[in-house]
Protein backbone atom coordinates (compact mmCIF):
# COMPACT_ATOMS: atom_id res chain seq x y z
CA MET A 1 63.80 -18.37 -72.58
CA ARG A 2 60.58 -17.44 -74.36
CA ASN A 3 57.38 -18.41 -72.61
CA ALA A 4 53.99 -19.55 -73.85
CA VAL A 5 50.65 -19.60 -72.07
CA ILE A 6 48.32 -22.28 -73.41
CA VAL A 7 44.64 -21.74 -72.68
CA GLY A 8 42.89 -25.11 -72.67
CA GLY A 9 44.06 -28.53 -71.51
CA GLY A 10 42.52 -30.67 -74.23
CA ILE A 11 44.38 -32.65 -76.88
CA GLY A 12 45.41 -29.58 -78.87
CA GLY A 13 46.58 -27.65 -75.84
CA LEU A 14 48.57 -30.54 -74.36
CA THR A 15 50.18 -31.32 -77.72
CA ALA A 16 51.11 -27.65 -78.11
CA ALA A 17 52.70 -27.63 -74.65
CA LEU A 18 54.86 -30.66 -75.43
CA ALA A 19 55.81 -29.42 -78.89
CA LEU A 20 56.75 -25.94 -77.68
CA ARG A 21 58.69 -27.29 -74.73
CA GLY A 22 60.56 -29.58 -77.11
CA HIS A 23 61.60 -26.48 -79.04
CA GLY A 24 62.95 -24.79 -75.94
CA TRP A 25 59.94 -22.78 -74.75
CA GLN A 26 58.81 -22.42 -71.16
CA VAL A 27 55.15 -23.42 -71.09
CA ALA A 28 52.17 -23.05 -68.78
CA VAL A 29 48.81 -24.73 -69.46
CA TYR A 30 45.69 -23.15 -67.94
CA GLU A 31 42.61 -25.36 -67.78
CA ARG A 32 39.41 -24.23 -66.09
CA SER A 33 38.37 -27.78 -65.12
CA ARG A 34 39.85 -29.16 -61.93
CA SER A 35 40.97 -32.35 -63.65
CA LEU A 36 41.89 -33.53 -67.12
CA GLU A 37 39.16 -36.16 -67.21
CA PRO A 38 38.29 -36.02 -70.91
CA VAL A 39 34.81 -35.35 -72.19
CA GLY A 40 34.16 -37.87 -74.92
CA SER A 41 34.37 -41.55 -75.67
CA GLY A 42 36.60 -42.45 -78.61
CA LEU A 43 38.56 -40.69 -81.30
CA ALA A 44 40.56 -41.49 -84.42
CA VAL A 45 44.26 -40.78 -84.83
CA ALA A 46 44.95 -41.06 -88.55
CA PRO A 47 48.38 -41.46 -90.22
CA ASN A 48 48.81 -37.69 -90.57
CA ALA A 49 48.34 -37.17 -86.84
CA LEU A 50 50.53 -40.14 -85.93
CA ARG A 51 53.42 -38.50 -87.79
CA ALA A 52 52.81 -35.32 -85.83
CA LEU A 53 52.77 -37.26 -82.55
CA ASP A 54 56.12 -38.80 -83.52
CA THR A 55 57.68 -35.34 -83.21
CA ILE A 56 56.79 -35.21 -79.50
CA GLY A 57 57.60 -38.86 -78.77
CA VAL A 58 54.02 -40.12 -78.42
CA GLY A 59 53.42 -41.82 -81.77
CA ALA A 60 54.82 -45.23 -80.88
CA GLU A 61 52.65 -45.57 -77.77
CA VAL A 62 49.52 -44.67 -79.73
CA ARG A 63 50.37 -47.15 -82.50
CA ARG A 64 50.46 -49.93 -79.91
CA LEU A 65 46.75 -49.32 -79.36
CA SER A 66 45.87 -50.02 -82.98
CA SER A 67 43.04 -52.54 -83.26
CA PHE A 68 41.96 -52.56 -86.91
CA ALA A 69 42.56 -55.71 -88.90
CA GLY A 70 40.94 -57.43 -91.84
CA ALA A 71 38.38 -55.34 -93.71
CA GLY A 72 36.10 -52.45 -92.88
CA GLY A 73 33.99 -50.02 -94.77
CA LEU A 74 30.52 -48.68 -95.39
CA ARG A 75 27.26 -50.61 -95.04
CA ARG A 76 23.54 -50.05 -95.46
CA SER A 77 21.41 -49.92 -92.34
CA SER A 78 20.22 -53.40 -93.34
CA GLY A 79 23.80 -54.65 -93.13
CA GLY A 80 24.69 -55.03 -96.81
CA TRP A 81 28.11 -53.75 -97.81
CA LEU A 82 28.25 -50.62 -99.95
CA ASN A 83 32.01 -50.73 -100.17
CA ARG A 84 34.74 -52.53 -98.31
CA VAL A 85 38.46 -51.95 -98.02
CA SER A 86 41.36 -53.89 -96.56
CA VAL A 87 42.72 -52.18 -93.46
CA GLU A 88 46.12 -53.73 -94.19
CA ARG A 89 46.05 -52.20 -97.69
CA LEU A 90 45.36 -48.74 -96.29
CA THR A 91 48.12 -49.15 -93.70
CA GLU A 92 50.60 -50.30 -96.32
CA HIS A 93 49.76 -47.41 -98.62
CA PHE A 94 49.96 -44.63 -96.03
CA GLY A 95 52.64 -46.19 -93.84
CA ASP A 96 50.49 -46.19 -90.72
CA PRO A 97 47.11 -47.36 -89.49
CA THR A 98 44.27 -45.20 -88.30
CA VAL A 99 44.20 -45.82 -84.56
CA VAL A 100 40.83 -45.53 -82.83
CA LEU A 101 41.23 -45.34 -79.07
CA PRO A 102 39.48 -43.98 -76.01
CA ARG A 103 39.99 -40.23 -75.74
CA ALA A 104 41.16 -40.81 -72.17
CA ALA A 105 44.04 -42.95 -73.42
CA LEU A 106 45.41 -40.18 -75.63
CA VAL A 107 44.94 -37.54 -72.94
CA GLU A 108 46.87 -39.78 -70.54
CA GLN A 109 49.72 -40.22 -73.02
CA LEU A 110 50.00 -36.45 -73.40
CA SER A 111 49.37 -35.31 -69.84
CA SER A 112 51.79 -37.84 -68.33
CA ARG A 113 54.58 -35.99 -70.16
CA ILE A 114 53.58 -32.58 -68.77
CA ASP A 115 55.44 -31.40 -65.69
CA PRO A 116 52.85 -30.82 -62.92
CA ALA A 117 54.36 -27.38 -62.40
CA GLU A 118 53.38 -26.52 -65.99
CA LEU A 119 49.74 -27.48 -65.50
CA HIS A 120 47.33 -25.08 -63.79
CA LEU A 121 44.00 -26.83 -63.22
CA GLY A 122 40.85 -25.13 -62.02
CA VAL A 123 42.07 -21.74 -63.28
CA GLN A 124 39.81 -19.56 -65.41
CA VAL A 125 41.40 -17.27 -68.00
CA GLU A 126 39.29 -14.13 -67.86
CA ALA A 127 40.95 -11.91 -70.46
CA VAL A 128 43.86 -11.74 -72.90
CA ASP A 129 45.43 -8.69 -74.51
CA PRO A 130 46.56 -9.97 -77.93
CA GLU A 131 49.01 -7.10 -78.47
CA THR A 132 50.91 -7.35 -75.17
CA GLY A 133 50.40 -11.02 -74.29
CA ILE A 134 49.03 -10.07 -70.87
CA VAL A 135 46.80 -12.91 -69.61
CA THR A 136 44.40 -12.25 -66.74
CA THR A 137 43.24 -15.27 -64.74
CA ASP A 138 41.17 -15.63 -61.60
CA GLU A 139 44.45 -16.25 -59.79
CA GLY A 140 46.38 -13.26 -61.12
CA VAL A 141 48.09 -11.80 -64.18
CA VAL A 142 50.84 -13.39 -66.29
CA SER A 143 52.74 -12.16 -69.33
CA ALA A 144 53.53 -14.34 -72.34
CA ASP A 145 55.54 -14.09 -75.53
CA LEU A 146 52.94 -16.42 -77.07
CA VAL A 147 49.35 -17.18 -76.10
CA VAL A 148 47.83 -20.35 -77.54
CA ALA A 149 44.04 -20.33 -77.79
CA ALA A 150 43.11 -24.01 -77.43
CA ASP A 151 39.86 -23.30 -75.62
CA GLY A 152 37.47 -25.15 -77.88
CA ILE A 153 34.56 -24.39 -80.17
CA GLY A 154 33.16 -21.68 -77.89
CA SER A 155 36.56 -19.98 -77.65
CA ARG A 156 36.54 -16.69 -75.78
CA LEU A 157 40.02 -15.96 -77.10
CA ARG A 158 38.86 -16.34 -80.71
CA ALA A 159 36.10 -13.84 -79.97
CA THR A 160 38.69 -11.46 -78.50
CA VAL A 161 40.92 -11.61 -81.56
CA PHE A 162 38.07 -11.64 -84.12
CA PRO A 163 35.04 -10.14 -82.35
CA ASP A 164 32.98 -9.70 -85.54
CA HIS A 165 33.58 -13.13 -87.01
CA PRO A 166 30.49 -15.38 -87.45
CA ARG A 167 29.94 -17.92 -84.70
CA PRO A 168 29.88 -21.69 -85.37
CA VAL A 169 26.67 -22.81 -87.08
CA TYR A 170 24.44 -25.80 -86.43
CA SER A 171 25.04 -28.67 -88.85
CA GLY A 172 21.48 -29.94 -88.65
CA GLY A 173 22.41 -33.08 -86.72
CA THR A 174 23.24 -34.47 -83.33
CA THR A 175 25.67 -37.21 -82.28
CA TRP A 176 25.76 -39.92 -79.64
CA ARG A 177 28.97 -41.59 -78.46
CA VAL A 178 29.60 -44.43 -76.05
CA ILE A 179 32.08 -47.23 -75.38
CA VAL A 180 30.38 -50.55 -74.57
CA PRO A 181 31.73 -53.76 -72.98
CA ALA A 182 33.41 -56.38 -75.13
CA PRO A 183 30.75 -58.48 -76.92
CA ALA A 184 31.02 -62.23 -77.30
CA LYS A 185 31.97 -61.81 -80.97
CA ARG A 186 34.24 -59.03 -82.15
CA PRO A 187 32.38 -56.94 -84.78
CA GLU A 188 33.88 -55.76 -88.03
CA PRO A 189 34.65 -52.05 -88.15
CA ALA A 190 32.05 -50.29 -90.27
CA GLU A 191 29.89 -47.23 -90.66
CA TYR A 192 26.24 -47.89 -91.46
CA TRP A 193 24.20 -45.32 -93.44
CA GLY A 194 20.42 -45.09 -93.33
CA ARG A 195 17.92 -42.32 -94.03
CA GLY A 196 18.98 -39.18 -92.22
CA SER A 197 21.10 -41.16 -89.77
CA ALA A 198 24.26 -43.22 -89.43
CA VAL A 199 26.00 -45.51 -86.93
CA GLY A 200 29.68 -46.34 -86.53
CA VAL A 201 30.95 -49.58 -84.95
CA VAL A 202 34.65 -49.61 -84.06
CA PRO A 203 36.29 -52.38 -81.98
CA LEU A 204 39.02 -51.16 -79.62
CA ALA A 205 42.29 -52.86 -78.72
CA ASP A 206 41.00 -54.04 -75.32
CA GLY A 207 37.93 -55.75 -76.85
CA ARG A 208 35.42 -53.02 -76.02
CA VAL A 209 33.55 -51.33 -78.85
CA TYR A 210 33.31 -47.63 -79.59
CA LEU A 211 29.90 -46.68 -80.99
CA TYR A 212 28.84 -43.40 -82.49
CA ALA A 213 25.59 -42.39 -84.11
CA MET A 214 24.33 -39.35 -86.00
CA ALA A 215 20.84 -38.20 -86.85
CA ARG A 216 18.97 -35.16 -88.09
CA CYS A 217 17.41 -33.34 -85.14
CA ALA A 218 16.36 -29.90 -84.05
CA PRO A 219 19.06 -28.26 -81.91
CA GLY A 220 18.56 -28.81 -78.22
CA GLU A 221 16.27 -31.82 -78.66
CA ARG A 222 16.81 -34.50 -75.99
CA ALA A 223 15.32 -37.87 -75.09
CA PRO A 224 12.33 -37.86 -72.71
CA ASP A 225 13.89 -40.69 -70.67
CA ASP A 226 17.54 -41.50 -71.41
CA GLU A 227 19.76 -41.45 -74.47
CA ARG A 228 20.33 -45.21 -74.60
CA ALA A 229 16.56 -45.62 -74.90
CA GLU A 230 16.59 -43.02 -77.67
CA LEU A 231 19.31 -44.93 -79.52
CA LEU A 232 17.29 -48.13 -79.31
CA ARG A 233 14.18 -46.36 -80.58
CA ARG A 234 16.08 -44.98 -83.53
CA PHE A 235 18.36 -47.90 -84.35
CA GLY A 236 16.73 -50.95 -82.79
CA SER A 237 15.64 -52.27 -86.19
CA TRP A 238 19.04 -51.84 -87.84
CA ALA A 239 21.26 -54.79 -88.72
CA ALA A 240 22.99 -56.83 -86.04
CA PRO A 241 25.04 -56.21 -84.01
CA ILE A 242 23.87 -52.58 -83.68
CA PRO A 243 20.79 -53.14 -81.46
CA GLU A 244 22.63 -55.57 -79.19
CA LEU A 245 25.60 -53.26 -78.80
CA PHE A 246 23.47 -50.23 -77.95
CA ALA A 247 21.47 -52.34 -75.50
CA SER A 248 24.69 -53.18 -73.65
CA ALA A 249 25.54 -49.50 -73.08
CA ASP A 250 25.45 -47.89 -69.66
CA PRO A 251 22.83 -45.11 -70.05
CA ALA A 252 24.90 -42.80 -67.83
CA ARG A 253 27.85 -43.03 -70.24
CA VAL A 254 26.01 -42.18 -73.45
CA LEU A 255 27.09 -38.72 -74.57
CA ARG A 256 24.90 -36.61 -76.82
CA ASN A 257 26.05 -33.41 -78.49
CA ASP A 258 24.55 -31.23 -81.17
CA VAL A 259 27.09 -30.67 -83.94
CA TYR A 260 28.23 -27.13 -84.70
CA PHE A 261 31.05 -26.18 -87.04
CA MET A 262 32.96 -23.15 -88.35
CA GLU A 263 31.27 -22.70 -91.70
CA THR A 264 33.11 -19.40 -92.31
CA PRO A 265 36.91 -19.76 -92.00
CA LEU A 266 38.78 -17.29 -89.83
CA PRO A 267 40.68 -14.62 -91.78
CA ALA A 268 43.85 -15.76 -89.98
CA LEU A 269 44.79 -18.26 -87.28
CA HIS A 270 46.58 -15.62 -85.26
CA GLY A 271 46.27 -12.05 -84.07
CA GLY A 272 48.90 -10.17 -82.12
CA ARG A 273 50.64 -12.69 -79.88
CA VAL A 274 47.70 -15.12 -79.95
CA ALA A 275 47.70 -18.33 -82.01
CA ILE A 276 44.37 -20.14 -82.40
CA LEU A 277 44.28 -23.91 -82.87
CA GLY A 278 42.00 -26.92 -82.91
CA ASP A 279 38.26 -26.45 -82.49
CA ALA A 280 38.81 -22.85 -81.44
CA ALA A 281 40.16 -22.18 -84.94
CA HIS A 282 38.28 -24.55 -87.24
CA ALA A 283 35.67 -26.69 -85.50
CA MET A 284 34.39 -29.32 -87.93
CA THR A 285 31.75 -32.01 -88.09
CA PRO A 286 32.97 -35.47 -87.03
CA ASN A 287 32.41 -37.13 -90.40
CA LEU A 288 36.08 -37.42 -91.42
CA GLY A 289 37.37 -38.32 -87.95
CA GLN A 290 39.92 -35.51 -88.35
CA GLY A 291 39.01 -33.04 -85.60
CA ALA A 292 41.63 -34.16 -83.07
CA CYS A 293 44.08 -34.83 -85.91
CA MET A 294 43.88 -31.21 -87.07
CA ALA A 295 44.50 -29.95 -83.53
CA ILE A 296 47.60 -32.17 -83.28
CA GLU A 297 48.87 -30.98 -86.67
CA ASP A 298 48.24 -27.37 -85.64
CA ALA A 299 50.21 -27.78 -82.44
CA VAL A 300 53.41 -29.21 -83.92
CA THR A 301 53.29 -26.79 -86.86
CA LEU A 302 52.87 -23.84 -84.50
CA ALA A 303 55.86 -24.91 -82.39
CA HIS A 304 58.02 -25.16 -85.49
CA GLU A 305 56.93 -21.87 -87.05
CA VAL A 306 57.38 -19.73 -83.91
CA THR A 307 60.81 -21.26 -83.26
CA LYS A 308 62.45 -22.04 -86.60
CA GLY A 309 59.99 -20.82 -89.20
CA ASP A 310 58.19 -17.60 -90.11
CA GLY A 311 56.46 -16.94 -86.80
CA LEU A 312 52.72 -16.65 -86.40
CA ALA A 313 52.26 -15.49 -89.99
CA GLY A 314 53.97 -18.70 -91.09
CA TYR A 315 51.61 -20.70 -88.87
CA THR A 316 48.58 -19.14 -90.55
CA ARG A 317 50.04 -19.73 -94.03
CA SER A 318 50.84 -23.36 -93.19
CA ARG A 319 47.46 -24.22 -91.73
CA SER A 320 44.65 -22.07 -93.14
CA ALA A 321 44.11 -23.74 -96.52
CA ARG A 322 44.39 -27.29 -95.18
CA THR A 323 42.08 -26.81 -92.23
CA SER A 324 39.51 -24.93 -94.32
CA MET A 325 39.52 -27.82 -96.81
CA MET A 326 39.00 -30.32 -93.99
CA VAL A 327 36.07 -28.37 -92.54
CA ALA A 328 34.39 -28.18 -95.94
CA GLU A 329 35.05 -31.83 -96.82
CA SER A 330 33.76 -33.08 -93.48
CA ALA A 331 30.58 -31.02 -93.77
CA LYS A 332 30.04 -32.37 -97.31
CA VAL A 333 30.40 -35.97 -96.16
CA GLY A 334 27.99 -35.22 -93.33
CA ARG A 335 25.39 -33.87 -95.74
CA ILE A 336 25.69 -36.98 -97.89
CA ALA A 337 25.43 -39.31 -94.89
CA MET A 338 22.38 -37.45 -93.56
CA LEU A 339 20.34 -37.54 -96.77
CA ASP A 340 16.78 -38.57 -95.94
CA ASN A 341 14.86 -38.31 -99.20
CA PRO A 342 14.36 -41.95 -100.26
CA PHE A 343 15.28 -41.27 -103.90
CA ALA A 344 18.41 -39.37 -102.88
CA VAL A 345 19.34 -42.15 -100.47
CA ALA A 346 18.91 -44.79 -103.18
CA ALA A 347 21.09 -42.78 -105.59
CA ARG A 348 23.71 -42.25 -102.88
CA ASP A 349 23.86 -45.92 -101.98
CA THR A 350 24.06 -46.96 -105.63
CA GLY A 351 26.90 -44.54 -106.20
CA MET A 352 28.80 -45.79 -103.18
CA TRP A 353 28.26 -49.41 -104.25
CA LEU A 354 29.52 -48.69 -107.77
CA ALA A 355 32.53 -46.84 -106.39
CA GLY A 356 33.34 -49.89 -104.32
CA ARG A 357 33.40 -52.02 -107.46
CA LEU A 358 36.26 -49.89 -108.84
CA GLY A 359 38.71 -51.28 -106.28
CA THR A 360 40.76 -49.42 -103.70
CA GLY A 361 42.40 -46.95 -106.09
CA PRO A 362 39.76 -44.18 -105.92
CA ALA A 363 39.43 -44.55 -102.15
CA LEU A 364 43.19 -44.28 -101.68
CA ARG A 365 43.39 -41.20 -103.89
CA LYS A 366 40.59 -39.54 -101.93
CA ALA A 367 42.13 -40.43 -98.57
CA ALA A 368 45.50 -39.10 -99.70
CA GLN A 369 44.33 -35.49 -99.39
CA TYR A 370 43.69 -36.16 -95.70
CA TYR A 371 46.53 -38.53 -94.79
CA ASP A 372 49.44 -37.37 -96.97
CA TRP A 373 50.61 -34.66 -94.61
CA TRP A 374 54.00 -34.49 -92.94
CA PRO A 375 55.20 -32.36 -90.02
CA PRO A 376 57.61 -29.49 -90.62
CA ARG A 377 61.28 -30.45 -90.58
CA GLU A 378 63.55 -30.41 -87.53
CA PRO A 379 61.06 -31.91 -85.03
CA SER A 380 62.06 -31.88 -81.38
CA VAL A 381 61.96 -35.72 -81.31
CA THR A 382 62.58 -37.69 -84.48
CA ALA A 383 60.11 -40.21 -85.84
CA ASP A 384 62.74 -42.95 -85.54
CA GLU A 385 63.21 -42.14 -81.85
CA SER A 386 59.44 -42.25 -81.30
CA ARG A 387 59.09 -45.61 -83.05
CA ALA A 388 61.99 -47.16 -81.10
């Protein structure tokens, strides 16, 4: 039986472990943290990623956490709608909803399917030889037929395989994320755009609300007191219910992260016996909500290619163009959302409003390049079995 060492116990690494095991591989996941408590608040699982999760038997459970209903869309910071779309129409067109859920819920769905013997927590991978598959950890040395680099945006394994490749670059903005208690009135899902900043409001299945915000900032800048206070300073005058929702946040649970992304694509997503996936391979800005989705797609594609496809070269061919497109598209949306010149903002908002008057057709065609993706054939668990 061939064996794989997966470096990183995040969503991409756990998905890769399940997908490879489903294709008959022996797997071992090495995670330097002593627990799988996820860093983050919420995330989106779009139709493309739900189909990938079907292949490992997780899709149906994630669909049960879907909370979107009615209409959602894009609004001005004052609250006026720029464009609005029926969630039911999107679901009907693409065959699935976009599920927004706590990151912890997805990690639990994945990790609960991992055999404890396959999971090595609190273990640091110190070195990897891409040619031999020898992995050196602080607990010893192991040999692997396949090494999966799922160690995030600061990937040491990526630097080992491509030591001269440019590092991720700063996007020019920072993000805040937090899940707040259920308000008295359930808000409509929407993203609000202002000048050089944006806020997302997404109700969750349990009634709580996932909030995210973005703003132009110098890298490393932090609030002098706490980040909830910073959010209220920045967004306290925006339309309801934004100020009230931020005011209800626990300051200790507000996460703030500067946004870096892989502006220059890797020349390949593999080298030697090492496959690179997720943020380690193609970190992107959060503006399309596709970061976790790309890691999930990577994982199931990798398992197929190294078992029934064209190996690691097939993995690179299958993933490079799509992930590079996603990185570029997400960065472009981020630049548009972060416009701060008042004339540029007025032109942007007018354009978005006019686009909304054209109906759902243009929006569906644009979304199709993100959502119309299907896993490779011969999955280890069929979609019908996952939906049962």
